[in-house]
Amino acid sequence: MDAKEIVLKTLRESSEPLRPSDIVEKSGLDKKEVEKAIKELKKEDLIMSPKRCYYSAK
């Protein structure tokens, strides 16, 4: 699994929106990997940001 898939899976398993630091903690990925994956997933319209700096899967 690549970082994008792991971030998306982590967001889908969460019952509430997560901050990037929460995703790092739950997924075990590096902070830079998570930030890059979030940027790409937002571009692909697979995740949304219900409030500033929080993310959830669509």
PDB file of N, CA and C in Angstrom:
ATOM      1  N   MET A   1       0.852  -1.196   0.000  1.00  0.00           N
ATOM      2  CA  MET A   1       0.000   0.000   0.000  1.00  0.00           C
ATOM      3  C   MET A   1       0.886   1.244   0.000  1.00  0.00           C
ATOM      4  N   ASP A   2       0.497   2.225  -0.787  1.00  0.00           N
ATOM      5  CA  ASP A   2       1.262   3.465  -0.758  1.00  0.00           C
ATOM      6  C   ASP A   2       0.661   4.433   0.270  1.00  0.00           C
ATOM      7  N   ALA A   3       1.322   5.547   0.465  1.00  0.00           N
ATOM      8  CA  ALA A   3       0.920   6.495   1.509  1.00  0.00           C
ATOM      9  C   ALA A   3      -0.504   7.006   1.293  1.00  0.00           C
ATOM     10  N   LYS A   4      -0.880   7.269   0.039  1.00  0.00           N
ATOM     11  CA  LYS A   4      -2.234   7.768  -0.241  1.00  0.00           C
ATOM     12  C   LYS A   4      -3.288   6.768   0.204  1.00  0.00           C
ATOM     13  N   GLU A   5      -3.068   5.490  -0.113  1.00  0.00           N
ATOM     14  CA  GLU A   5      -4.029   4.450   0.269  1.00  0.00           C
ATOM     15  C   GLU A   5      -4.126   4.325   1.786  1.00  0.00           C
ATOM     16  N   ILE A   6      -2.985   4.423   2.456  1.00  0.00           N
ATOM     17  CA  ILE A   6      -2.964   4.309   3.921  1.00  0.00           C
ATOM     18  C   ILE A   6      -3.699   5.486   4.563  1.00  0.00           C
ATOM     19  N   VAL A   7      -3.447   6.695   4.064  1.00  0.00           N
ATOM     20  CA  VAL A   7      -4.131   7.890   4.597  1.00  0.00           C
ATOM     21  C   VAL A   7      -5.635   7.768   4.370  1.00  0.00           C
ATOM     22  N   LEU A   8      -6.036   7.379   3.177  1.00  0.00           N
ATOM     23  CA  LEU A   8      -7.459   7.240   2.865  1.00  0.00           C
ATOM     24  C   LEU A   8      -8.112   6.180   3.755  1.00  0.00           C
ATOM     25  N   LYS A   9      -7.434   5.055   3.945  1.00  0.00           N
ATOM     26  CA  LYS A   9      -7.949   3.978   4.809  1.00  0.00           C
ATOM     27  C   LYS A   9      -8.096   4.477   6.249  1.00  0.00           C
ATOM     28  N   THR A  10      -7.098   5.211   6.736  1.00  0.00           N
ATOM     29  CA  THR A  10      -7.136   5.752   8.096  1.00  0.00           C
ATOM     30  C   THR A  10      -8.326   6.697   8.261  1.00  0.00           C
ATOM     31  N   LEU A  11      -8.554   7.560   7.262  1.00  0.00           N
ATOM     32  CA  LEU A  11      -9.681   8.500   7.323  1.00  0.00           C
ATOM     33  C   LEU A  11     -11.022   7.770   7.261  1.00  0.00           C
ATOM     34  N   ARG A  12     -11.100   6.732   6.442  1.00  0.00           N
ATOM     35  CA  ARG A  12     -12.367   5.976   6.322  1.00  0.00           C
ATOM     36  C   ARG A  12     -12.703   5.230   7.614  1.00  0.00           C
ATOM     37  N   GLU A  13     -11.672   4.782   8.324  1.00  0.00           N
ATOM     38  CA  GLU A  13     -11.897   4.027   9.566  1.00  0.00           C
ATOM     39  C   GLU A  13     -12.234   4.932  10.746  1.00  0.00           C
ATOM     40  N   SER A  14     -11.991   6.227  10.599  1.00  0.00           N
ATOM     41  CA  SER A  14     -12.241   7.159  11.694  1.00  0.00           C
ATOM     42  C   SER A  14     -13.688   7.633  11.671  1.00  0.00           C
ATOM     43  N   SER A  15     -14.279   7.757  12.846  1.00  0.00           N
ATOM     44  CA  SER A  15     -15.665   8.221  12.930  1.00  0.00           C
ATOM     45  C   SER A  15     -15.756   9.744  12.922  1.00  0.00           C
ATOM     46  N   GLU A  16     -14.605  10.408  13.031  1.00  0.00           N
ATOM     47  CA  GLU A  16     -14.599  11.876  13.027  1.00  0.00           C
ATOM     48  C   GLU A  16     -13.441  12.390  12.177  1.00  0.00           C
ATOM     49  N   PRO A  17     -13.526  13.651  11.719  1.00  0.00           N
ATOM     50  CA  PRO A  17     -12.427  14.225  10.925  1.00  0.00           C
ATOM     51  C   PRO A  17     -11.120  14.241  11.720  1.00  0.00           C
ATOM     52  N   LEU A  18     -10.012  14.048  11.017  1.00  0.00           N
ATOM     53  CA  LEU A  18      -8.701  13.968  11.665  1.00  0.00           C
ATOM     54  C   LEU A  18      -7.779  15.088  11.203  1.00  0.00           C
ATOM     55  N   ARG A  19      -6.897  15.501  12.101  1.00  0.00           N
ATOM     56  CA  ARG A  19      -5.829  16.435  11.749  1.00  0.00           C
ATOM     57  C   ARG A  19      -4.680  15.623  11.164  1.00  0.00           C
ATOM     58  N   PRO A  20      -3.814  16.261  10.375  1.00  0.00           N
ATOM     59  CA  PRO A  20      -2.662  15.519   9.840  1.00  0.00           C
ATOM     60  C   PRO A  20      -1.851  14.820  10.936  1.00  0.00           C
ATOM     61  N   SER A  21      -1.692  15.463  12.087  1.00  0.00           N
ATOM     62  CA  SER A  21      -0.918  14.833  13.171  1.00  0.00           C
ATOM     63  C   SER A  21      -1.609  13.565  13.693  1.00  0.00           C
ATOM     64  N   ASP A  22      -2.956  13.556  13.685  1.00  0.00           N
ATOM     65  CA  ASP A  22      -3.701  12.352  14.088  1.00  0.00           C
ATOM     66  C   ASP A  22      -3.466  11.227  13.085  1.00  0.00           C
ATOM     67  N   ILE A  23      -3.440  11.595  11.796  1.00  0.00           N
ATOM     68  CA  ILE A  23      -3.224  10.598  10.741  1.00  0.00           C
ATOM     69  C   ILE A  23      -1.826   9.996  10.882  1.00  0.00           C
ATOM     70  N   VAL A  24      -0.830  10.841  11.156  1.00  0.00           N
ATOM     71  CA  VAL A  24       0.545  10.372  11.361  1.00  0.00           C
ATOM     72  C   VAL A  24       0.577   9.357  12.503  1.00  0.00           C
ATOM     73  N   GLU A  25      -0.087   9.702  13.591  1.00  0.00           N
ATOM     74  CA  GLU A  25      -0.115   8.846  14.778  1.00  0.00           C
ATOM     75  C   GLU A  25      -0.788   7.501  14.493  1.00  0.00           C
ATOM     76  N   LYS A  26      -1.938   7.536  13.827  1.00  0.00           N
ATOM     77  CA  LYS A  26      -2.702   6.309  13.600  1.00  0.00           C
ATOM     78  C   LYS A  26      -2.105   5.427  12.501  1.00  0.00           C
ATOM     79  N   SER A  27      -1.472   6.058  11.505  1.00  0.00           N
ATOM     80  CA  SER A  27      -0.987   5.295  10.358  1.00  0.00           C
ATOM     81  C   SER A  27       0.475   4.885  10.477  1.00  0.00           C
ATOM     82  N   GLY A  28       1.235   5.615  11.292  1.00  0.00           N
ATOM     83  CA  GLY A  28       2.651   5.318  11.417  1.00  0.00           C
ATOM     84  C   GLY A  28       3.496   5.868  10.274  1.00  0.00           C
ATOM     85  N   LEU A  29       2.877   6.666   9.412  1.00  0.00           N
ATOM     86  CA  LEU A  29       3.608   7.264   8.296  1.00  0.00           C
ATOM     87  C   LEU A  29       4.374   8.501   8.756  1.00  0.00           C
ATOM     88  N   ASP A  30       5.297   8.937   7.928  1.00  0.00           N
ATOM     89  CA  ASP A  30       6.054  10.154   8.177  1.00  0.00           C
ATOM     90  C   ASP A  30       5.160  11.374   7.902  1.00  0.00           C
ATOM     91  N   LYS A  31       5.372  12.454   8.642  1.00  0.00           N
ATOM     92  CA  LYS A  31       4.560  13.670   8.501  1.00  0.00           C
ATOM     93  C   LYS A  31       4.558  14.197   7.061  1.00  0.00           C
ATOM     94  N   LYS A  32       5.726  14.223   6.437  1.00  0.00           N
ATOM     95  CA  LYS A  32       5.823  14.716   5.056  1.00  0.00           C
ATOM     96  C   LYS A  32       5.031  13.837   4.084  1.00  0.00           C
ATOM     97  N   GLU A  33       5.069  12.524   4.301  1.00  0.00           N
ATOM     98  CA  GLU A  33       4.305  11.593   3.455  1.00  0.00           C
ATOM     99  C   GLU A  33       2.806  11.856   3.588  1.00  0.00           C
ATOM    100  N   VAL A  34       2.361  12.080   4.818  1.00  0.00           N
ATOM    101  CA  VAL A  34       0.942  12.337   5.073  1.00  0.00           C
ATOM    102  C   VAL A  34       0.513  13.638   4.404  1.00  0.00           C
ATOM    103  N   GLU A  35       1.318  14.687   4.546  1.00  0.00           N
ATOM    104  CA  GLU A  35       0.969  15.984   3.943  1.00  0.00           C
ATOM    105  C   GLU A  35       0.890  15.883   2.422  1.00  0.00           C
ATOM    106  N   LYS A  36       1.821  15.165   1.823  1.00  0.00           N
ATOM    107  CA  LYS A  36       1.830  14.978   0.369  1.00  0.00           C
ATOM    108  C   LYS A  36       0.596  14.188  -0.071  1.00  0.00           C
ATOM    109  N   ALA A  37       0.280  13.132   0.671  1.00  0.00           N
ATOM    110  CA  ALA A  37      -0.876  12.293   0.340  1.00  0.00           C
ATOM    111  C   ALA A  37      -2.175  13.084   0.463  1.00  0.00           C
ATOM    112  N   ILE A  38      -2.297  13.914   1.489  1.00  0.00           N
ATOM    113  CA  ILE A  38      -3.495  14.744   1.680  1.00  0.00           C
ATOM    114  C   ILE A  38      -3.666  15.679   0.483  1.00  0.00           C
ATOM    115  N   LYS A  39      -2.581  16.315   0.074  1.00  0.00           N
ATOM    116  CA  LYS A  39      -2.628  17.245  -1.058  1.00  0.00           C
ATOM    117  C   LYS A  39      -3.121  16.528  -2.321  1.00  0.00           C
ATOM    118  N   GLU A  40      -2.581  15.328  -2.574  1.00  0.00           N
ATOM    119  CA  GLU A  40      -2.967  14.567  -3.764  1.00  0.00           C
ATOM    120  C   GLU A  40      -4.410  14.069  -3.671  1.00  0.00           C
ATOM    121  N   LEU A  41      -4.822  13.615  -2.490  1.00  0.00           N
ATOM    122  CA  LEU A  41      -6.192  13.119  -2.313  1.00  0.00           C
ATOM    123  C   LEU A  41      -7.213  14.252  -2.461  1.00  0.00           C
ATOM    124  N   LYS A  42      -6.846  15.458  -2.009  1.00  0.00           N
ATOM    125  CA  LYS A  42      -7.739  16.608  -2.184  1.00  0.00           C
ATOM    126  C   LYS A  42      -7.900  16.936  -3.662  1.00  0.00           C
ATOM    127  N   LYS A  43      -6.785  16.885  -4.394  1.00  0.00           N
ATOM    128  CA  LYS A  43      -6.822  17.135  -5.848  1.00  0.00           C
ATOM    129  C   LYS A  43      -7.717  16.132  -6.555  1.00  0.00           C
ATOM    130  N   GLU A  44      -7.667  14.880  -6.109  1.00  0.00           N
ATOM    131  CA  GLU A  44      -8.467  13.811  -6.715  1.00  0.00           C
ATOM    132  C   GLU A  44      -9.899  13.793  -6.176  1.00  0.00           C
ATOM    133  N   ASP A  45     -10.215  14.702  -5.267  1.00  0.00           N
ATOM    134  CA  ASP A  45     -11.558  14.842  -4.697  1.00  0.00           C
ATOM    135  C   ASP A  45     -12.005  13.580  -3.943  1.00  0.00           C
ATOM    136  N   LEU A  46     -11.058  12.927  -3.259  1.00  0.00           N
ATOM    137  CA  LEU A  46     -11.387  11.730  -2.478  1.00  0.00           C
ATOM    138  C   LEU A  46     -11.564  12.043  -0.990  1.00  0.00           C
ATOM    139  N   ILE A  47     -11.045  13.193  -0.569  1.00  0.00           N
ATOM    140  CA  ILE A  47     -11.225  13.612   0.826  1.00  0.00           C
ATOM    141  C   ILE A  47     -11.730  15.045   0.848  1.00  0.00           C
ATOM    142  N   MET A  48     -12.293  15.434   1.981  1.00  0.00           N
ATOM    143  CA  MET A  48     -12.775  16.804   2.143  1.00  0.00           C
ATOM    144  C   MET A  48     -12.305  17.354   3.479  1.00  0.00           C
ATOM    145  N   SER A  49     -12.421  18.648   3.602  1.00  0.00           N
ATOM    146  CA  SER A  49     -12.014  19.305   4.833  1.00  0.00           C
ATOM    147  C   SER A  49     -13.237  20.010   5.430  1.00  0.00           C
ATOM    148  N   PRO A  50     -13.928  19.335   6.363  1.00  0.00           N
ATOM    149  CA  PRO A  50     -15.142  19.928   6.939  1.00  0.00           C
ATOM    150  C   PRO A  50     -14.860  21.189   7.755  1.00  0.00           C
ATOM    151  N   LYS A  51     -13.660  21.273   8.336  1.00  0.00           N
ATOM    152  CA  LYS A  51     -13.224  22.503   8.980  1.00  0.00           C
ATOM    153  C   LYS A  51     -11.720  22.604   8.822  1.00  0.00           C
ATOM    154  N   ARG A  52     -11.189  23.780   8.993  1.00  0.00           N
ATOM    155  CA  ARG A  52      -9.784  24.053   8.706  1.00  0.00           C
ATOM    156  C   ARG A  52      -8.849  23.055   9.405  1.00  0.00           C
ATOM    157  N   CYS A  53      -7.968  22.471   8.618  1.00  0.00           N
ATOM    158  CA  CYS A  53      -6.937  21.533   9.097  1.00  0.00           C
ATOM    159  C   CYS A  53      -7.491  20.204   9.603  1.00  0.00           C
ATOM    160  N   TYR A  54      -8.704  19.880   9.281  1.00  0.00           N
ATOM    161  CA  TYR A  54      -9.280  18.569   9.601  1.00  0.00           C
ATOM    162  C   TYR A  54      -9.727  17.940   8.303  1.00  0.00           C
ATOM    163  N   TYR A  55      -9.543  16.625   8.179  1.00  0.00           N
ATOM    164  CA  TYR A  55      -9.868  15.945   6.938  1.00  0.00           C
ATOM    165  C   TYR A  55     -10.704  14.706   7.189  1.00  0.00           C
ATOM    166  N   SER A  56     -11.567  14.404   6.227  1.00  0.00           N
ATOM    167  CA  SER A  56     -12.341  13.157   6.294  1.00  0.00           C
ATOM    168  C   SER A  56     -12.527  12.626   4.876  1.00  0.00           C
ATOM    169  N   ALA A  57     -12.749  11.315   4.768  1.00  0.00           N
ATOM    170  CA  ALA A  57     -12.963  10.682   3.473  1.00  0.00           C
ATOM    171  C   ALA A  57     -14.369  11.010   2.987  1.00  0.00           C
ATOM    172  N   LYS A  58     -14.520  11.104   1.670  1.00  0.00           N
ATOM    173  CA  LYS A  58     -15.861  11.370   1.099  1.00  0.00           C
ATOM    174  C   LYS A  58     -16.638  10.086   0.979  1.00  0.00           C
TER     175      LYS A  58
END
